[in-house]
């Protein structure tokens, strides 16, 4: 599968973590919320149809896991895409909110 490299950036106003290509195009995003206890809730992942099949969704999931791990938060994967990605990547389960298993 071709892989378009992206950089993740937070758009706090929209509550998105955006996947941005080298030319500045937003190729996809995850809609999120943060709870009062610091849990990062992945709500919904969207990839621009022009970038489908290019690994954008996986890079978003991988990136939010890295971000959550780095900040010491916990992840609640309400988004079906992120949950499915986590099922296939047990090495990322250390960031899951207590009680969530796959």
PDB file of N, CA and C in Angstrom:
ATOM      1  N   UNK A   1       0.855  -1.175   0.000  1.00  0.00           N
ATOM      2  CA  UNK A   1       0.000   0.000   0.000  1.00  0.00           C
ATOM      3  C   UNK A   1       0.895   1.230   0.000  1.00  0.00           C
ATOM      4  N   UNK A   2       0.638   2.201  -0.864  1.00  0.00           N
ATOM      5  CA  UNK A   2       1.409   3.444  -0.838  1.00  0.00           C
ATOM      6  C   UNK A   2       1.182   4.161   0.487  1.00  0.00           C
ATOM      7  N   UNK A   3       2.188   4.815   0.945  1.00  0.00           N
ATOM      8  CA  UNK A   3       2.079   5.511   2.233  1.00  0.00           C
ATOM      9  C   UNK A   3       2.475   6.965   2.026  1.00  0.00           C
ATOM     10  N   UNK A   4       1.522   7.853   2.238  1.00  0.00           N
ATOM     11  CA  UNK A   4       1.781   9.283   2.175  1.00  0.00           C
ATOM     12  C   UNK A   4       2.216   9.735   3.552  1.00  0.00           C
ATOM     13  N   UNK A   5       3.436  10.254   3.697  1.00  0.00           N
ATOM     14  CA  UNK A   5       3.868  10.691   5.020  1.00  0.00           C
ATOM     15  C   UNK A   5       3.113  11.934   5.474  1.00  0.00           C
ATOM     16  N   UNK A   6       2.748  11.938   6.742  1.00  0.00           N
ATOM     17  CA  UNK A   6       2.033  13.082   7.320  1.00  0.00           C
ATOM     18  C   UNK A   6       2.665  13.452   8.653  1.00  0.00           C
ATOM     19  N   UNK A   7       2.391  14.659   9.060  1.00  0.00           N
ATOM     20  CA  UNK A   7       2.745  15.157  10.382  1.00  0.00           C
ATOM     21  C   UNK A   7       1.436  15.412  11.113  1.00  0.00           C
ATOM     22  N   UNK A   8       1.389  15.074  12.377  1.00  0.00           N
ATOM     23  CA  UNK A   8       0.176  15.330  13.145  1.00  0.00           C
ATOM     24  C   UNK A   8       0.296  16.674  13.850  1.00  0.00           C
ATOM     25  N   UNK A   9      -0.814  17.395  13.848  1.00  0.00           N
ATOM     26  CA  UNK A   9      -0.869  18.661  14.587  1.00  0.00           C
ATOM     27  C   UNK A   9      -2.242  18.766  15.230  1.00  0.00           C
ATOM     28  N   UNK A  10      -2.264  19.435  16.357  1.00  0.00           N
ATOM     29  CA  UNK A  10      -3.519  19.612  17.069  1.00  0.00           C
ATOM     30  C   UNK A  10      -4.220  20.870  16.587  1.00  0.00           C
ATOM     31  N   UNK A  11      -5.503  20.736  16.297  1.00  0.00           N
ATOM     32  CA  UNK A  11      -6.374  21.871  16.020  1.00  0.00           C
ATOM     33  C   UNK A  11      -7.337  21.922  17.201  1.00  0.00           C
ATOM     34  N   UNK A  12      -6.908  22.626  18.261  1.00  0.00           N
ATOM     35  CA  UNK A  12      -7.665  22.638  19.522  1.00  0.00           C
ATOM     36  C   UNK A  12      -9.048  23.251  19.352  1.00  0.00           C
ATOM     37  N   UNK A  13      -9.179  24.195  18.449  1.00  0.00           N
ATOM     38  CA  UNK A  13     -10.476  24.843  18.229  1.00  0.00           C
ATOM     39  C   UNK A  13     -11.521  23.843  17.751  1.00  0.00           C
ATOM     40  N   UNK A  14     -11.131  22.950  16.853  1.00  0.00           N
ATOM     41  CA  UNK A  14     -12.055  21.943  16.323  1.00  0.00           C
ATOM     42  C   UNK A  14     -12.043  20.644  17.119  1.00  0.00           C
ATOM     43  N   UNK A  15     -11.104  20.502  18.054  1.00  0.00           N
ATOM     44  CA  UNK A  15     -10.886  19.238  18.772  1.00  0.00           C
ATOM     45  C   UNK A  15     -10.496  18.137  17.791  1.00  0.00           C
ATOM     46  N   UNK A  16      -9.579  18.462  16.903  1.00  0.00           N
ATOM     47  CA  UNK A  16      -9.047  17.510  15.924  1.00  0.00           C
ATOM     48  C   UNK A  16      -7.549  17.365  16.133  1.00  0.00           C
ATOM     49  N   UNK A  17      -7.059  16.164  15.910  1.00  0.00           N
ATOM     50  CA  UNK A  17      -5.649  15.946  15.645  1.00  0.00           C
ATOM     51  C   UNK A  17      -5.616  15.695  14.141  1.00  0.00           C
ATOM     52  N   UNK A  18      -4.959  16.588  13.413  1.00  0.00           N
ATOM     53  CA  UNK A  18      -4.968  16.550  11.954  1.00  0.00           C
ATOM     54  C   UNK A  18      -3.707  15.892  11.407  1.00  0.00           C
ATOM     55  N   UNK A  19      -3.874  15.138  10.336  1.00  0.00           N
ATOM     56  CA  UNK A  19      -2.762  14.548   9.599  1.00  0.00           C
ATOM     57  C   UNK A  19      -2.512  15.445   8.391  1.00  0.00           C
ATOM     58  N   UNK A  20      -1.346  16.082   8.363  1.00  0.00           N
ATOM     59  CA  UNK A  20      -1.041  17.094   7.354  1.00  0.00           C
ATOM     60  C   UNK A  20       0.094  16.613   6.466  1.00  0.00           C
ATOM     61  N   UNK A  21      -0.104  16.694   5.149  1.00  0.00           N
ATOM     62  CA  UNK A  21       0.931  16.305   4.197  1.00  0.00           C
ATOM     63  C   UNK A  21       2.014  17.379   4.131  1.00  0.00           C
ATOM     64  N   UNK A  22       3.105  17.064   3.427  1.00  0.00           N
ATOM     65  CA  UNK A  22       4.218  18.010   3.299  1.00  0.00           C
ATOM     66  C   UNK A  22       3.793  19.340   2.684  1.00  0.00           C
ATOM     67  N   UNK A  23       2.772  19.320   1.807  1.00  0.00           N
ATOM     68  CA  UNK A  23       2.338  20.572   1.169  1.00  0.00           C
ATOM     69  C   UNK A  23       1.256  21.308   1.975  1.00  0.00           C
ATOM     70  N   UNK A  24       0.964  20.816   3.189  1.00  0.00           N
ATOM     71  CA  UNK A  24       0.014  21.493   4.064  1.00  0.00           C
ATOM     72  C   UNK A  24      -1.424  21.041   3.935  1.00  0.00           C
ATOM     73  N   UNK A  25      -1.689  20.042   3.117  1.00  0.00           N
ATOM     74  CA  UNK A  25      -3.045  19.526   2.944  1.00  0.00           C
ATOM     75  C   UNK A  25      -3.439  18.663   4.143  1.00  0.00           C
ATOM     76  N   UNK A  26      -4.623  18.892   4.677  1.00  0.00           N
ATOM     77  CA  UNK A  26      -5.140  18.043   5.752  1.00  0.00           C
ATOM     78  C   UNK A  26      -5.722  16.794   5.095  1.00  0.00           C
ATOM     79  N   UNK A  27      -5.034  15.671   5.290  1.00  0.00           N
ATOM     80  CA  UNK A  27      -5.416  14.418   4.652  1.00  0.00           C
ATOM     81  C   UNK A  27      -6.399  13.619   5.495  1.00  0.00           C
ATOM     82  N   UNK A  28      -6.500  13.938   6.774  1.00  0.00           N
ATOM     83  CA  UNK A  28      -7.405  13.235   7.667  1.00  0.00           C
ATOM     84  C   UNK A  28      -7.284  13.800   9.062  1.00  0.00           C
ATOM     85  N   UNK A  29      -8.129  13.293   9.953  1.00  0.00           N
ATOM     86  CA  UNK A  29      -8.112  13.774  11.337  1.00  0.00           C
ATOM     87  C   UNK A  29      -8.840  12.797  12.229  1.00  0.00           C
ATOM     88  N   UNK A  30      -8.590  12.945  13.513  1.00  0.00           N
ATOM     89  CA  UNK A  30      -9.375  12.253  14.529  1.00  0.00           C
ATOM     90  C   UNK A  30     -10.019  13.330  15.384  1.00  0.00           C
ATOM     91  N   UNK A  31     -11.300  13.205  15.562  1.00  0.00           N
ATOM     92  CA  UNK A  31     -12.077  14.078  16.437  1.00  0.00           C
ATOM     93  C   UNK A  31     -11.878  13.525  17.848  1.00  0.00           C
ATOM     94  N   UNK A  32     -11.553  14.383  18.805  1.00  0.00           N
ATOM     95  CA  UNK A  32     -11.245  13.908  20.145  1.00  0.00           C
ATOM     96  C   UNK A  32     -11.870  14.791  21.214  1.00  0.00           C
ATOM     97  N   UNK A  33     -11.821  14.271  22.422  1.00  0.00           N
ATOM     98  CA  UNK A  33     -12.174  15.038  23.600  1.00  0.00           C
ATOM     99  C   UNK A  33     -11.186  14.637  24.681  1.00  0.00           C
ATOM    100  N   UNK A  34     -11.055  15.473  25.677  1.00  0.00           N
ATOM    101  CA  UNK A  34     -10.245  15.139  26.853  1.00  0.00           C
ATOM    102  C   UNK A  34     -11.150  15.275  28.068  1.00  0.00           C
ATOM    103  N   UNK A  35     -11.154  14.247  28.881  1.00  0.00           N
ATOM    104  CA  UNK A  35     -11.997  14.275  30.069  1.00  0.00           C
ATOM    105  C   UNK A  35     -11.266  15.016  31.197  1.00  0.00           C
ATOM    106  N   UNK A  36     -11.989  15.312  32.254  1.00  0.00           N
ATOM    107  CA  UNK A  36     -11.419  16.043  33.388  1.00  0.00           C
ATOM    108  C   UNK A  36     -10.245  15.293  34.023  1.00  0.00           C
ATOM    109  N   UNK A  37     -10.253  13.956  33.936  1.00  0.00           N
ATOM    110  CA  UNK A  37      -9.157  13.189  34.536  1.00  0.00           C
ATOM    111  C   UNK A  37      -7.980  12.994  33.582  1.00  0.00           C
ATOM    112  N   UNK A  38      -8.033  13.640  32.410  1.00  0.00           N
ATOM    113  CA  UNK A  38      -6.914  13.582  31.483  1.00  0.00           C
ATOM    114  C   UNK A  38      -6.989  12.466  30.457  1.00  0.00           C
ATOM    115  N   UNK A  39      -8.105  11.780  30.387  1.00  0.00           N
ATOM    116  CA  UNK A  39      -8.255  10.725  29.383  1.00  0.00           C
ATOM    117  C   UNK A  39      -8.448  11.348  28.008  1.00  0.00           C
ATOM    118  N   UNK A  40      -7.712  10.832  27.022  1.00  0.00           N
ATOM    119  CA  UNK A  40      -7.862  11.247  25.628  1.00  0.00           C
ATOM    120  C   UNK A  40      -8.892  10.312  25.004  1.00  0.00           C
ATOM    121  N   UNK A  41      -9.988  10.862  24.534  1.00  0.00           N
ATOM    122  CA  UNK A  41     -11.069  10.062  23.948  1.00  0.00           C
ATOM    123  C   UNK A  41     -11.040  10.256  22.439  1.00  0.00           C
ATOM    124  N   UNK A  42     -10.691   9.205  21.710  1.00  0.00           N
ATOM    125  CA  UNK A  42     -10.728   9.231  20.247  1.00  0.00           C
ATOM    126  C   UNK A  42     -12.161   8.935  19.834  1.00  0.00           C
ATOM    127  N   UNK A  43     -12.822   9.929  19.219  1.00  0.00           N
ATOM    128  CA  UNK A  43     -14.253   9.818  18.928  1.00  0.00           C
ATOM    129  C   UNK A  43     -14.513   9.300  17.518  1.00  0.00           C
ATOM    130  N   UNK A  44     -13.842   9.885  16.535  1.00  0.00           N
ATOM    131  CA  UNK A  44     -14.117   9.527  15.139  1.00  0.00           C
ATOM    132  C   UNK A  44     -12.913   9.881  14.277  1.00  0.00           C
ATOM    133  N   UNK A  45     -12.507   8.966  13.423  1.00  0.00           N
ATOM    134  CA  UNK A  45     -11.408   9.209  12.492  1.00  0.00           C
ATOM    135  C   UNK A  45     -11.979   9.357  11.093  1.00  0.00           C
ATOM    136  N   UNK A  46     -11.456  10.327  10.381  1.00  0.00           N
ATOM    137  CA  UNK A  46     -11.907  10.599   9.012  1.00  0.00           C
ATOM    138  C   UNK A  46     -10.665  10.776   8.135  1.00  0.00           C
ATOM    139  N   UNK A  47     -10.685  10.163   6.951  1.00  0.00           N
ATOM    140  CA  UNK A  47      -9.619  10.348   5.967  1.00  0.00           C
ATOM    141  C   UNK A  47     -10.250  10.918   4.710  1.00  0.00           C
ATOM    142  N   UNK A  48      -9.633  11.975   4.187  1.00  0.00           N
ATOM    143  CA  UNK A  48     -10.099  12.566   2.930  1.00  0.00           C
ATOM    144  C   UNK A  48     -10.097  11.467   1.864  1.00  0.00           C
ATOM    145  N   UNK A  49     -11.176  11.317   1.108  1.00  0.00           N
ATOM    146  CA  UNK A  49     -11.240  10.263   0.088  1.00  0.00           C
ATOM    147  C   UNK A  49     -10.066  10.284  -0.892  1.00  0.00           C
ATOM    148  N   UNK A  50      -9.484  11.428  -1.137  1.00  0.00           N
ATOM    149  CA  UNK A  50      -8.338  11.521  -2.048  1.00  0.00           C
ATOM    150  C   UNK A  50      -7.113  10.788  -1.492  1.00  0.00           C
ATOM    151  N   UNK A  51      -7.109  10.490  -0.191  1.00  0.00           N
ATOM    152  CA  UNK A  51      -5.958   9.849   0.447  1.00  0.00           C
ATOM    153  C   UNK A  51      -6.263   8.444   0.960  1.00  0.00           C
ATOM    154  N   UNK A  52      -7.445   7.922   0.667  1.00  0.00           N
ATOM    155  CA  UNK A  52      -7.790   6.580   1.130  1.00  0.00           C
ATOM    156  C   UNK A  52      -6.816   5.561   0.567  1.00  0.00           C
ATOM    157  N   UNK A  53      -6.454   4.597   1.409  1.00  0.00           N
ATOM    158  CA  UNK A  53      -5.536   3.547   0.994  1.00  0.00           C
ATOM    159  C   UNK A  53      -4.075   3.946   1.066  1.00  0.00           C
ATOM    160  N   UNK A  54      -3.785   5.107   1.625  1.00  0.00           N
ATOM    161  CA  UNK A  54      -2.404   5.587   1.694  1.00  0.00           C
ATOM    162  C   UNK A  54      -1.835   5.572   3.110  1.00  0.00           C
ATOM    163  N   UNK A  55      -2.508   4.872   4.004  1.00  0.00           N
ATOM    164  CA  UNK A  55      -1.980   4.702   5.349  1.00  0.00           C
ATOM    165  C   UNK A  55      -2.199   5.873   6.296  1.00  0.00           C
ATOM    166  N   UNK A  56      -3.070   6.789   5.917  1.00  0.00           N
ATOM    167  CA  UNK A  56      -3.298   7.977   6.749  1.00  0.00           C
ATOM    168  C   UNK A  56      -3.936   7.602   8.090  1.00  0.00           C
ATOM    169  N   UNK A  57      -4.970   6.783   8.053  1.00  0.00           N
ATOM    170  CA  UNK A  57      -5.653   6.394   9.288  1.00  0.00           C
ATOM    171  C   UNK A  57      -4.727   5.712  10.268  1.00  0.00           C
ATOM    172  N   UNK A  58      -3.896   4.815   9.775  1.00  0.00           N
ATOM    173  CA  UNK A  58      -2.934   4.132  10.638  1.00  0.00           C
ATOM    174  C   UNK A  58      -1.929   5.089  11.246  1.00  0.00           C
ATOM    175  N   UNK A  59      -1.491   6.058  10.460  1.00  0.00           N
ATOM    176  CA  UNK A  59      -0.547   7.045  10.991  1.00  0.00           C
ATOM    177  C   UNK A  59      -1.210   7.918  12.064  1.00  0.00           C
ATOM    178  N   UNK A  60      -2.494   8.196  11.873  1.00  0.00           N
ATOM    179  CA  UNK A  60      -3.222   8.956  12.898  1.00  0.00           C
ATOM    180  C   UNK A  60      -3.297   8.140  14.185  1.00  0.00           C
ATOM    181  N   UNK A  61      -3.699   6.882  14.083  1.00  0.00           N
ATOM    182  CA  UNK A  61      -3.811   6.034  15.274  1.00  0.00           C
ATOM    183  C   UNK A  61      -2.458   5.887  15.964  1.00  0.00           C
ATOM    184  N   UNK A  62      -1.437   5.609  15.195  1.00  0.00           N
ATOM    185  CA  UNK A  62      -0.092   5.465  15.749  1.00  0.00           C
ATOM    186  C   UNK A  62       0.364   6.768  16.424  1.00  0.00           C
ATOM    187  N   UNK A  63       0.044   7.882  15.792  1.00  0.00           N
ATOM    188  CA  UNK A  63       0.439   9.180  16.328  1.00  0.00           C
ATOM    189  C   UNK A  63      -0.263   9.536  17.622  1.00  0.00           C
ATOM    190  N   UNK A  64      -1.557   9.228  17.705  1.00  0.00           N
ATOM    191  CA  UNK A  64      -2.244   9.563  18.963  1.00  0.00           C
ATOM    192  C   UNK A  64      -1.779   8.649  20.091  1.00  0.00           C
ATOM    193  N   UNK A  65      -1.438   7.410  19.780  1.00  0.00           N
ATOM    194  CA  UNK A  65      -0.873   6.524  20.805  1.00  0.00           C
ATOM    195  C   UNK A  65       0.443   7.116  21.311  1.00  0.00           C
ATOM    196  N   UNK A  66       1.297   7.558  20.396  1.00  0.00           N
ATOM    197  CA  UNK A  66       2.575   8.157  20.796  1.00  0.00           C
ATOM    198  C   UNK A  66       2.351   9.412  21.634  1.00  0.00           C
ATOM    199  N   UNK A  67       1.403  10.241  21.227  1.00  0.00           N
ATOM    200  CA  UNK A  67       1.112  11.477  21.948  1.00  0.00           C
ATOM    201  C   UNK A  67       0.600  11.177  23.359  1.00  0.00           C
ATOM    202  N   UNK A  68      -0.325  10.234  23.460  1.00  0.00           N
ATOM    203  CA  UNK A  68      -0.894   9.865  24.756  1.00  0.00           C
ATOM    204  C   UNK A  68       0.204   9.284  25.649  1.00  0.00           C
ATOM    205  N   UNK A  69       1.039   8.443  25.083  1.00  0.00           N
ATOM    206  CA  UNK A  69       2.135   7.845  25.852  1.00  0.00           C
ATOM    207  C   UNK A  69       3.084   8.932  26.357  1.00  0.00           C
ATOM    208  N   UNK A  70       3.431   9.862  25.494  1.00  0.00           N
ATOM    209  CA  UNK A  70       4.371  10.933  25.843  1.00  0.00           C
ATOM    210  C   UNK A  70       3.832  11.846  26.944  1.00  0.00           C
ATOM    211  N   UNK A  71       2.534  12.115  26.924  1.00  0.00           N
ATOM    212  CA  UNK A  71       1.946  13.034  27.896  1.00  0.00           C
ATOM    213  C   UNK A  71       1.476  12.336  29.171  1.00  0.00           C
ATOM    214  N   UNK A  72       1.537  10.998  29.190  1.00  0.00           N
ATOM    215  CA  UNK A  72       1.122  10.260  30.371  1.00  0.00           C
ATOM    216  C   UNK A  72      -0.377  10.147  30.527  1.00  0.00           C
ATOM    217  N   UNK A  73      -1.121  10.486  29.474  1.00  0.00           N
ATOM    218  CA  UNK A  73      -2.572  10.348  29.524  1.00  0.00           C
ATOM    219  C   UNK A  73      -2.949   8.889  29.296  1.00  0.00           C
ATOM    220  N   UNK A  74      -4.227   8.624  29.262  1.00  0.00           N
ATOM    221  CA  UNK A  74      -4.770   7.314  28.906  1.00  0.00           C
ATOM    222  C   UNK A  74      -5.695   7.513  27.719  1.00  0.00           C
ATOM    223  N   UNK A  75      -5.850   6.460  26.927  1.00  0.00           N
ATOM    224  CA  UNK A  75      -6.639   6.509  25.702  1.00  0.00           C
ATOM    225  C   UNK A  75      -7.909   5.690  25.857  1.00  0.00           C
ATOM    226  N   UNK A  76      -9.035   6.307  25.508  1.00  0.00           N
ATOM    227  CA  UNK A  76     -10.307   5.598  25.408  1.00  0.00           C
ATOM    228  C   UNK A  76     -10.692   5.620  23.936  1.00  0.00           C
ATOM    229  N   UNK A  77     -10.600   4.480  23.248  1.00  0.00           N
ATOM    230  CA  UNK A  77     -10.849   4.428  21.811  1.00  0.00           C
ATOM    231  C   UNK A  77     -12.321   4.224  21.472  1.00  0.00           C
ATOM    232  N   UNK A  78     -13.117   5.274  21.554  1.00  0.00           N
ATOM    233  CA  UNK A  78     -14.525   5.176  21.161  1.00  0.00           C
ATOM    234  C   UNK A  78     -14.673   5.053  19.642  1.00  0.00           C
ATOM    235  N   UNK A  79     -13.694   5.516  18.917  1.00  0.00           N
ATOM    236  CA  UNK A  79     -13.704   5.453  17.451  1.00  0.00           C
ATOM    237  C   UNK A  79     -13.488   4.005  17.000  1.00  0.00           C
ATOM    238  N   UNK A  80     -14.375   3.459  16.179  1.00  0.00           N
ATOM    239  CA  UNK A  80     -14.213   2.075  15.716  1.00  0.00           C
ATOM    240  C   UNK A  80     -12.902   1.839  14.956  1.00  0.00           C
ATOM    241  N   UNK A  81     -12.455   2.824  14.181  1.00  0.00           N
ATOM    242  CA  UNK A  81     -11.199   2.642  13.446  1.00  0.00           C
ATOM    243  C   UNK A  81     -10.017   2.529  14.409  1.00  0.00           C
ATOM    244  N   UNK A  82      -9.947   3.437  15.380  1.00  0.00           N
ATOM    245  CA  UNK A  82      -8.845   3.404  16.350  1.00  0.00           C
ATOM    246  C   UNK A  82      -8.904   2.112  17.163  1.00  0.00           C
ATOM    247  N   UNK A  83     -10.101   1.696  17.562  1.00  0.00           N
ATOM    248  CA  UNK A  83     -10.247   0.451  18.313  1.00  0.00           C
ATOM    249  C   UNK A  83      -9.743  -0.733  17.491  1.00  0.00           C
ATOM    250  N   UNK A  84     -10.092  -0.787  16.219  1.00  0.00           N
ATOM    251  CA  UNK A  84      -9.637  -1.889  15.358  1.00  0.00           C
ATOM    252  C   UNK A  84      -8.126  -1.850  15.173  1.00  0.00           C
ATOM    253  N   UNK A  85      -7.566  -0.658  15.023  1.00  0.00           N
ATOM    254  CA  UNK A  85      -6.106  -0.516  14.902  1.00  0.00           C
ATOM    255  C   UNK A  85      -5.440  -1.064  16.164  1.00  0.00           C
ATOM    256  N   UNK A  86      -5.999  -0.725  17.321  1.00  0.00           N
ATOM    257  CA  UNK A  86      -5.438  -1.206  18.579  1.00  0.00           C
ATOM    258  C   UNK A  86      -5.549  -2.721  18.715  1.00  0.00           C
ATOM    259  N   UNK A  87      -6.608  -3.309  18.211  1.00  0.00           N
ATOM    260  CA  UNK A  87      -6.738  -4.780  18.243  1.00  0.00           C
ATOM    261  C   UNK A  87      -5.559  -5.428  17.516  1.00  0.00           C
ATOM    262  N   UNK A  88      -5.115  -4.791  16.443  1.00  0.00           N
ATOM    263  CA  UNK A  88      -4.019  -5.334  15.634  1.00  0.00           C
ATOM    264  C   UNK A  88      -2.636  -4.923  16.142  1.00  0.00           C
ATOM    265  N   UNK A  89      -2.588  -4.062  17.147  1.00  0.00           N
ATOM    266  CA  UNK A  89      -1.299  -3.556  17.654  1.00  0.00           C
ATOM    267  C   UNK A  89      -1.241  -3.660  19.187  1.00  0.00           C
ATOM    268  N   UNK A  90      -1.074  -4.875  19.690  1.00  0.00           N
ATOM    269  CA  UNK A  90      -1.038  -5.049  21.148  1.00  0.00           C
ATOM    270  C   UNK A  90       0.101  -4.292  21.822  1.00  0.00           C
ATOM    271  N   UNK A  91       1.138  -3.950  21.082  1.00  0.00           N
ATOM    272  CA  UNK A  91       2.250  -3.192  21.656  1.00  0.00           C
ATOM    273  C   UNK A  91       1.823  -1.788  22.099  1.00  0.00           C
ATOM    274  N   UNK A  92       0.638  -1.354  21.683  1.00  0.00           N
ATOM    275  CA  UNK A  92       0.130  -0.031  22.044  1.00  0.00           C
ATOM    276  C   UNK A  92      -0.859  -0.078  23.208  1.00  0.00           C
ATOM    277  N   UNK A  93      -1.132  -1.246  23.727  1.00  0.00           N
ATOM    278  CA  UNK A  93      -2.156  -1.376  24.763  1.00  0.00           C
ATOM    279  C   UNK A  93      -1.769  -0.742  26.098  1.00  0.00           C
ATOM    280  N   UNK A  94      -0.503  -0.405  26.276  1.00  0.00           N
ATOM    281  CA  UNK A  94      -0.078   0.213  27.536  1.00  0.00           C
ATOM    282  C   UNK A  94      -0.711   1.583  27.752  1.00  0.00           C
ATOM    283  N   UNK A  95      -1.228   2.202  26.699  1.00  0.00           N
ATOM    284  CA  UNK A  95      -1.840   3.539  26.836  1.00  0.00           C
ATOM    285  C   UNK A  95      -3.341   3.499  27.086  1.00  0.00           C
ATOM    286  N   UNK A  96      -3.918   2.302  27.038  1.00  0.00           N
ATOM    287  CA  UNK A  96      -5.367   2.185  27.181  1.00  0.00           C
ATOM    288  C   UNK A  96      -5.835   2.538  28.585  1.00  0.00           C
ATOM    289  N   UNK A  97      -6.998   3.150  28.641  1.00  0.00           N
ATOM    290  CA  UNK A  97      -7.663   3.422  29.902  1.00  0.00           C
ATOM    291  C   UNK A  97      -7.887   2.106  30.630  1.00  0.00           C
ATOM    292  N   UNK A  98      -7.693   2.115  31.933  1.00  0.00           N
ATOM    293  CA  UNK A  98      -7.868   0.904  32.727  1.00  0.00           C
ATOM    294  C   UNK A  98      -9.241   0.288  32.473  1.00  0.00           C
ATOM    295  N   UNK A  99      -9.254  -1.023  32.282  1.00  0.00           N
ATOM    296  CA  UNK A  99     -10.499  -1.743  32.058  1.00  0.00           C
ATOM    297  C   UNK A  99     -10.807  -2.000  30.590  1.00  0.00           C
ATOM    298  N   UNK A 100     -10.111  -1.341  29.692  1.00  0.00           N
ATOM    299  CA  UNK A 100     -10.321  -1.577  28.262  1.00  0.00           C
ATOM    300  C   UNK A 100      -9.370  -2.670  27.797  1.00  0.00           C
ATOM    301  N   UNK A 101      -9.929  -3.717  27.215  1.00  0.00           N
ATOM    302  CA  UNK A 101      -9.126  -4.819  26.711  1.00  0.00           C
ATOM    303  C   UNK A 101      -9.581  -5.193  25.317  1.00  0.00           C
ATOM    304  N   UNK A 102      -8.707  -5.821  24.603  1.00  0.00           N
ATOM    305  CA  UNK A 102      -9.006  -6.328  23.253  1.00  0.00           C
ATOM    306  C   UNK A 102      -8.622  -7.779  23.150  1.00  0.00           C
TER     307      UNK A 102
END
